[in-house]
Protein backbone atom coordinates (compact mmCIF):
# COMPACT_ATOMS: atom_id res chain seq x y z
CA MET A 1 73.33 84.25 44.10
CA ASN A 2 69.83 82.98 43.25
CA GLN A 3 67.59 84.00 46.14
CA GLN A 4 64.11 82.48 46.48
CA PRO A 5 61.26 84.97 46.92
CA GLU A 6 59.85 85.16 50.43
CA LYS A 7 56.79 83.01 50.91
CA ILE A 8 53.41 84.56 51.69
CA THR A 9 51.69 84.51 55.05
CA ALA A 10 48.05 84.14 53.98
CA LEU A 11 45.56 85.89 56.24
CA TYR A 12 42.12 84.55 55.36
CA CYS A 13 38.88 86.33 56.27
CA ARG A 14 35.35 85.20 55.52
CA LEU A 15 31.97 86.65 56.39
CA SER A 16 28.70 85.11 55.32
CA GLN A 17 25.43 87.01 55.26
CA ASP A 18 24.37 85.02 58.34
CA ASP A 19 27.59 85.95 60.19
CA ALA A 20 26.86 89.63 59.58
CA LEU A 21 23.87 89.26 61.90
CA ASP A 22 26.27 88.41 64.75
CA GLY A 23 27.61 91.97 64.70
CA GLU A 24 31.01 93.62 64.54
CA SER A 25 33.00 90.77 66.15
CA ASN A 26 32.91 88.74 62.93
CA SER A 27 33.24 91.66 60.51
CA ILE A 28 35.90 91.63 57.84
CA THR A 29 37.40 94.79 59.36
CA ASN A 30 37.66 93.12 62.76
CA GLN A 31 39.12 89.92 61.32
CA LYS A 32 41.73 91.89 59.36
CA ALA A 33 42.74 93.84 62.45
CA LEU A 34 43.04 90.70 64.60
CA LEU A 35 45.03 88.80 61.98
CA SER A 36 47.35 91.74 61.23
CA LYS A 37 48.07 92.25 64.91
CA TYR A 38 48.79 88.56 65.46
CA ALA A 39 51.06 88.38 62.41
CA ALA A 40 53.04 91.44 63.52
CA GLU A 41 53.37 90.26 67.12
CA HIS A 42 54.55 86.80 66.08
CA GLY A 43 57.01 87.77 63.35
CA PHE A 44 55.00 86.69 60.32
CA ARG A 45 56.09 88.69 57.29
CA ASN A 46 54.98 89.19 53.71
CA ILE A 47 51.31 89.07 54.66
CA GLN A 48 48.58 88.96 52.07
CA PHE A 49 44.85 89.05 52.75
CA PHE A 50 42.41 86.72 51.02
CA ILE A 51 38.82 87.78 51.65
CA ASP A 52 35.39 86.32 51.00
CA ASP A 53 32.66 88.72 52.08
CA GLY A 54 29.14 87.37 51.80
CA TYR A 55 30.09 83.73 51.15
CA SER A 56 28.95 80.67 53.06
CA GLY A 57 31.57 78.50 54.69
CA THR A 58 29.76 75.32 53.65
CA SER A 59 31.60 75.19 50.32
CA PHE A 60 35.17 75.85 49.22
CA GLN A 61 33.82 77.49 46.05
CA ARG A 62 34.68 81.02 47.20
CA PRO A 63 36.83 83.38 45.10
CA GLY A 64 39.17 84.51 47.90
CA PHE A 65 39.63 80.97 49.15
CA GLN A 66 40.28 79.67 45.62
CA GLU A 67 42.89 82.39 45.01
CA MET A 68 44.62 81.57 48.30
CA MET A 69 44.64 77.86 47.43
CA ARG A 70 46.31 78.58 44.07
CA TYR A 71 49.18 80.17 46.03
CA VAL A 72 49.22 77.27 48.52
CA GLU A 73 49.39 74.67 45.74
CA ASP A 74 52.13 76.69 44.04
CA TYR A 75 54.28 76.34 47.20
CA SER A 76 54.14 80.13 47.67
CA VAL A 77 52.56 80.10 51.17
CA SER A 78 54.33 79.38 54.45
CA ALA A 79 51.33 79.86 56.75
CA VAL A 80 47.55 80.33 56.66
CA ILE A 81 46.08 82.24 59.59
CA VAL A 82 42.36 82.60 60.35
CA LYS A 83 40.33 84.08 63.22
CA ASP A 84 38.67 80.73 63.90
CA LEU A 85 38.20 77.43 62.11
CA SER A 86 34.69 78.35 60.94
CA ARG A 87 36.18 81.13 58.80
CA LEU A 88 38.01 78.44 56.78
CA SER A 89 35.05 76.07 56.59
CA ARG A 90 31.78 75.26 58.31
CA ASN A 91 32.35 71.61 57.41
CA TYR A 92 34.89 70.51 59.99
CA THR A 93 35.60 67.21 58.22
CA ASP A 94 36.58 69.06 55.03
CA ALA A 95 38.60 71.58 57.03
CA GLY A 96 40.40 68.80 58.89
CA ASN A 97 41.25 67.00 55.66
CA LEU A 98 42.59 70.21 54.16
CA ILE A 99 44.70 71.05 57.21
CA GLU A 100 45.93 67.55 58.03
CA ASN A 101 46.57 66.40 54.46
CA LEU A 102 47.20 69.15 51.91
CA PHE A 103 48.71 71.75 54.25
CA VAL A 104 50.97 69.15 55.87
CA ARG A 105 52.06 67.76 52.50
CA LEU A 106 52.87 71.25 51.20
CA ASN A 107 54.53 72.32 54.47
CA VAL A 108 51.99 75.07 55.19
CA ARG A 109 51.51 75.99 58.82
CA PHE A 110 47.86 76.53 59.83
CA ILE A 111 46.94 78.83 62.72
CA SER A 112 43.45 79.46 64.05
CA LEU A 113 43.52 82.22 66.65
CA ALA A 114 40.48 80.94 68.55
CA GLU A 115 41.52 77.29 68.75
């Protein structure tokens, strides 16, 4: 029997240098804890973190984001979970296009805990 590998639940964390000024609530450690807890409580399995620490959300040219998107485009991701939409992108038009077009086309569920 040829069994497909289980798809990844991508937990994405981002912290820019400006966000660090807001304190612990936006820290990578805090985001990881929140996302892990949510995933466990809601039955998401095979989690993998993708992290960009010190990167602005105004561009998608971030190493952790780019790595996650390679998995998304390879049909290896079932869901992307973030603390809030601004972790994915500070440009809400770009974020909306990504979520409503690419994620929908590739059957990737998007969850923002704050929204």
